[in-house]
Amino acid sequence: MHSIKLKKRVGADGILHLDIPVGIADKEVEIMVIYQPLETPTQQKTTQQKGWNPGFFEEVIGGWVGEPLERAEQGEYETREQLF
């Protein structure tokens, strides 16, 4: 069994064409293809693409209507022994 990793571009028709020389001829082979779309850093996902429901942030941000929240006193920071 041999493994080959390639980066290819899918055509505008949505079809990926692979031409892979394997060094054998006139034999049957079993092939498994696993693909994962690559994203460039400039491609920003929408909140829906990230799994959030539409309008979630508009409904939730600033939605607290109770008493103002206050952080309790945190006390003194303990000194810890350095391990390295």
N, C-alpha and C. Protein backbone atom coordinates (compact mmCIF):
# COMPACT_ATOMS: atom_id res chain seq x y z
N MET A 1 0.86 -1.17 0.00
CA MET A 1 0.00 0.00 0.00
C MET A 1 0.90 1.23 0.00
N HIS A 2 0.53 2.21 -0.78
CA HIS A 2 1.29 3.45 -0.87
C HIS A 2 0.36 4.62 -0.60
N SER A 3 0.88 5.68 -0.04
CA SER A 3 0.10 6.87 0.26
C SER A 3 0.72 8.05 -0.47
N ILE A 4 -0.12 8.85 -1.11
CA ILE A 4 0.33 10.04 -1.83
C ILE A 4 -0.51 11.21 -1.36
N LYS A 5 0.13 12.30 -0.98
CA LYS A 5 -0.60 13.49 -0.54
C LYS A 5 -0.40 14.57 -1.60
N LEU A 6 -1.50 15.14 -2.09
CA LEU A 6 -1.47 16.15 -3.13
C LEU A 6 -2.31 17.36 -2.74
N LYS A 7 -1.96 18.50 -3.28
CA LYS A 7 -2.84 19.67 -3.23
C LYS A 7 -3.23 19.98 -4.66
N LYS A 8 -4.51 19.96 -4.93
CA LYS A 8 -5.03 20.22 -6.27
C LYS A 8 -6.14 21.24 -6.18
N ARG A 9 -6.46 21.85 -7.31
CA ARG A 9 -7.56 22.81 -7.39
C ARG A 9 -8.74 22.17 -8.10
N VAL A 10 -9.92 22.31 -7.49
CA VAL A 10 -11.15 21.83 -8.11
C VAL A 10 -11.53 22.83 -9.19
N GLY A 11 -11.89 22.33 -10.36
CA GLY A 11 -12.26 23.20 -11.46
C GLY A 11 -13.58 23.92 -11.21
N ALA A 12 -13.87 24.91 -12.04
CA ALA A 12 -15.11 25.69 -11.92
C ALA A 12 -16.34 24.79 -12.07
N ASP A 13 -16.15 23.64 -12.71
CA ASP A 13 -17.26 22.70 -12.88
C ASP A 13 -17.52 21.86 -11.64
N GLY A 14 -16.68 22.04 -10.60
CA GLY A 14 -16.85 21.29 -9.36
C GLY A 14 -16.27 19.89 -9.40
N ILE A 15 -15.46 19.60 -10.43
CA ILE A 15 -14.88 18.27 -10.58
C ILE A 15 -13.37 18.34 -10.36
N LEU A 16 -12.86 17.41 -9.57
CA LEU A 16 -11.44 17.29 -9.31
C LEU A 16 -10.88 16.22 -10.23
N HIS A 17 -9.87 16.58 -10.98
CA HIS A 17 -9.22 15.62 -11.88
C HIS A 17 -7.87 15.24 -11.30
N LEU A 18 -7.61 13.93 -11.22
CA LEU A 18 -6.35 13.43 -10.69
C LEU A 18 -5.66 12.56 -11.74
N ASP A 19 -4.42 12.86 -12.03
CA ASP A 19 -3.57 12.02 -12.87
C ASP A 19 -2.39 11.64 -12.01
N ILE A 20 -2.35 10.38 -11.58
CA ILE A 20 -1.32 9.95 -10.64
C ILE A 20 -0.57 8.76 -11.23
N PRO A 21 0.69 8.95 -11.58
CA PRO A 21 1.46 7.81 -12.06
C PRO A 21 1.81 6.90 -10.87
N VAL A 22 1.47 5.62 -10.99
CA VAL A 22 1.70 4.70 -9.88
C VAL A 22 2.80 3.69 -10.16
N GLY A 23 3.35 3.68 -11.36
CA GLY A 23 4.47 2.80 -11.65
C GLY A 23 4.10 1.36 -11.94
N ILE A 24 2.81 1.07 -12.12
CA ILE A 24 2.38 -0.28 -12.51
C ILE A 24 1.45 -0.14 -13.70
N ALA A 25 1.28 -1.21 -14.45
CA ALA A 25 0.41 -1.17 -15.62
C ALA A 25 -0.41 -2.45 -15.71
N ASP A 26 -1.58 -2.32 -16.27
CA ASP A 26 -2.45 -3.45 -16.57
C ASP A 26 -2.79 -4.27 -15.33
N LYS A 27 -3.07 -3.59 -14.20
CA LYS A 27 -3.48 -4.25 -12.96
C LYS A 27 -4.60 -3.45 -12.32
N GLU A 28 -5.44 -4.13 -11.58
CA GLU A 28 -6.47 -3.45 -10.82
C GLU A 28 -5.87 -2.92 -9.52
N VAL A 29 -6.34 -1.75 -9.11
CA VAL A 29 -5.91 -1.19 -7.83
C VAL A 29 -7.14 -0.73 -7.07
N GLU A 30 -7.03 -0.72 -5.77
CA GLU A 30 -8.09 -0.20 -4.93
C GLU A 30 -7.67 1.19 -4.49
N ILE A 31 -8.55 2.16 -4.61
CA ILE A 31 -8.22 3.56 -4.34
C ILE A 31 -9.19 4.12 -3.32
N MET A 32 -8.66 4.88 -2.35
CA MET A 32 -9.49 5.58 -1.40
C MET A 32 -9.09 7.06 -1.45
N VAL A 33 -10.07 7.92 -1.61
CA VAL A 33 -9.81 9.36 -1.69
C VAL A 33 -10.48 10.03 -0.51
N ILE A 34 -9.71 10.81 0.24
CA ILE A 34 -10.24 11.62 1.33
C ILE A 34 -9.89 13.06 1.00
N TYR A 35 -10.85 13.95 0.99
CA TYR A 35 -10.54 15.33 0.65
C TYR A 35 -11.00 16.27 1.75
N GLN A 36 -10.31 17.39 1.86
CA GLN A 36 -10.64 18.43 2.82
C GLN A 36 -10.42 19.77 2.15
N PRO A 37 -11.46 20.58 2.04
CA PRO A 37 -11.29 21.91 1.44
C PRO A 37 -10.32 22.75 2.27
N LEU A 38 -9.44 23.46 1.60
CA LEU A 38 -8.49 24.35 2.27
C LEU A 38 -9.02 25.76 2.23
N GLU A 39 -8.83 26.50 3.30
CA GLU A 39 -9.28 27.88 3.37
C GLU A 39 -8.07 28.79 3.45
N THR A 40 -8.12 29.86 2.73
CA THR A 40 -7.07 30.85 2.85
C THR A 40 -7.38 31.74 4.05
N PRO A 41 -6.37 32.33 4.68
CA PRO A 41 -6.62 33.18 5.86
C PRO A 41 -7.54 34.36 5.58
N THR A 42 -7.66 34.76 4.32
CA THR A 42 -8.51 35.91 4.02
C THR A 42 -9.99 35.53 3.95
N GLN A 43 -10.29 34.24 3.87
CA GLN A 43 -11.67 33.82 3.82
C GLN A 43 -12.25 33.83 5.23
N GLN A 44 -13.19 34.72 5.49
CA GLN A 44 -13.83 34.81 6.79
C GLN A 44 -15.12 33.99 6.77
N LYS A 45 -15.29 33.12 7.77
CA LYS A 45 -16.52 32.37 7.87
C LYS A 45 -17.59 33.24 8.52
N THR A 46 -18.82 33.07 8.08
CA THR A 46 -19.93 33.77 8.72
C THR A 46 -20.23 33.07 10.04
N THR A 47 -20.98 33.72 10.89
CA THR A 47 -21.33 33.10 12.17
C THR A 47 -22.14 31.82 11.95
N GLN A 48 -22.96 31.78 10.91
CA GLN A 48 -23.73 30.58 10.61
C GLN A 48 -22.79 29.45 10.18
N GLN A 49 -21.74 29.76 9.38
CA GLN A 49 -20.78 28.74 8.97
C GLN A 49 -19.99 28.22 10.16
N LYS A 50 -19.86 29.04 11.21
CA LYS A 50 -19.16 28.61 12.41
C LYS A 50 -20.08 27.85 13.36
N GLY A 51 -21.36 27.69 13.01
CA GLY A 51 -22.28 26.89 13.81
C GLY A 51 -23.23 27.68 14.69
N TRP A 52 -23.20 29.00 14.62
CA TRP A 52 -24.10 29.81 15.44
C TRP A 52 -25.42 30.03 14.72
N ASN A 53 -26.50 30.08 15.46
CA ASN A 53 -27.82 30.32 14.87
C ASN A 53 -27.90 31.75 14.35
N PRO A 54 -28.65 31.96 13.26
CA PRO A 54 -28.81 33.32 12.73
C PRO A 54 -29.39 34.25 13.79
N GLY A 55 -28.80 35.45 13.94
CA GLY A 55 -29.29 36.45 14.88
C GLY A 55 -28.89 36.21 16.33
N PHE A 56 -28.10 35.17 16.61
CA PHE A 56 -27.74 34.83 17.99
C PHE A 56 -27.08 36.01 18.70
N PHE A 57 -26.04 36.59 18.09
CA PHE A 57 -25.31 37.66 18.76
C PHE A 57 -26.13 38.93 18.88
N GLU A 58 -26.97 39.21 17.91
CA GLU A 58 -27.82 40.39 17.99
C GLU A 58 -28.82 40.27 19.15
N GLU A 59 -29.27 39.06 19.43
CA GLU A 59 -30.23 38.84 20.51
C GLU A 59 -29.56 38.77 21.88
N VAL A 60 -28.34 38.25 21.95
CA VAL A 60 -27.70 37.97 23.23
C VAL A 60 -26.85 39.13 23.74
N ILE A 61 -26.05 39.74 22.88
CA ILE A 61 -25.14 40.79 23.33
C ILE A 61 -25.96 41.94 23.93
N GLY A 62 -25.62 42.30 25.16
CA GLY A 62 -26.33 43.37 25.84
C GLY A 62 -27.70 42.96 26.33
N GLY A 63 -27.97 41.66 26.38
CA GLY A 63 -29.29 41.18 26.73
C GLY A 63 -29.56 41.06 28.22
N TRP A 64 -28.57 41.27 29.08
CA TRP A 64 -28.79 41.15 30.53
C TRP A 64 -29.65 42.29 31.01
N VAL A 65 -30.76 41.97 31.69
CA VAL A 65 -31.67 43.01 32.16
C VAL A 65 -31.82 43.00 33.68
N GLY A 66 -31.03 42.18 34.37
CA GLY A 66 -31.11 42.10 35.83
C GLY A 66 -30.22 43.15 36.49
N GLU A 67 -29.92 42.92 37.78
CA GLU A 67 -29.05 43.82 38.52
C GLU A 67 -27.67 43.85 37.87
N PRO A 68 -26.96 44.97 38.02
CA PRO A 68 -25.59 45.01 37.47
C PRO A 68 -24.72 43.93 38.11
N LEU A 69 -23.94 43.27 37.29
CA LEU A 69 -23.05 42.22 37.80
C LEU A 69 -21.81 42.86 38.39
N GLU A 70 -21.37 42.34 39.55
CA GLU A 70 -20.17 42.84 40.19
C GLU A 70 -19.25 41.67 40.50
N ARG A 71 -17.97 41.87 40.29
CA ARG A 71 -16.99 40.83 40.59
C ARG A 71 -16.58 40.96 42.05
N ALA A 72 -16.67 39.86 42.77
CA ALA A 72 -16.32 39.86 44.19
C ALA A 72 -14.81 40.03 44.35
N GLU A 73 -14.39 40.45 45.54
CA GLU A 73 -12.97 40.61 45.84
C GLU A 73 -12.27 39.27 45.63
N GLN A 74 -11.11 39.30 44.98
CA GLN A 74 -10.41 38.07 44.63
C GLN A 74 -9.40 37.62 45.68
N GLY A 75 -9.09 38.44 46.64
CA GLY A 75 -8.14 38.05 47.68
C GLY A 75 -6.71 38.18 47.20
N GLU A 76 -5.78 37.67 48.00
CA GLU A 76 -4.36 37.76 47.67
C GLU A 76 -3.95 36.60 46.78
N TYR A 77 -3.05 36.89 45.85
CA TYR A 77 -2.52 35.87 44.97
C TYR A 77 -1.46 35.07 45.72
N GLU A 78 -1.59 33.75 45.70
CA GLU A 78 -0.63 32.93 46.42
C GLU A 78 0.67 32.81 45.61
N THR A 79 1.79 32.75 46.34
CA THR A 79 3.08 32.57 45.68
C THR A 79 3.32 31.09 45.50
N ARG A 80 3.60 30.68 44.26
CA ARG A 80 3.79 29.27 43.97
C ARG A 80 5.24 28.97 43.67
N GLU A 81 5.64 27.75 43.94
CA GLU A 81 6.99 27.31 43.67
C GLU A 81 7.15 27.08 42.17
N GLN A 82 8.25 27.57 41.59
CA GLN A 82 8.50 27.34 40.17
C GLN A 82 9.03 25.94 39.98
N LEU A 83 8.49 25.25 38.96
CA LEU A 83 8.86 23.85 38.71
C LEU A 83 9.99 23.70 37.71
N PHE A 84 10.38 24.78 37.05
CA PHE A 84 11.45 24.66 36.05
C PHE A 84 12.52 25.66 36.27
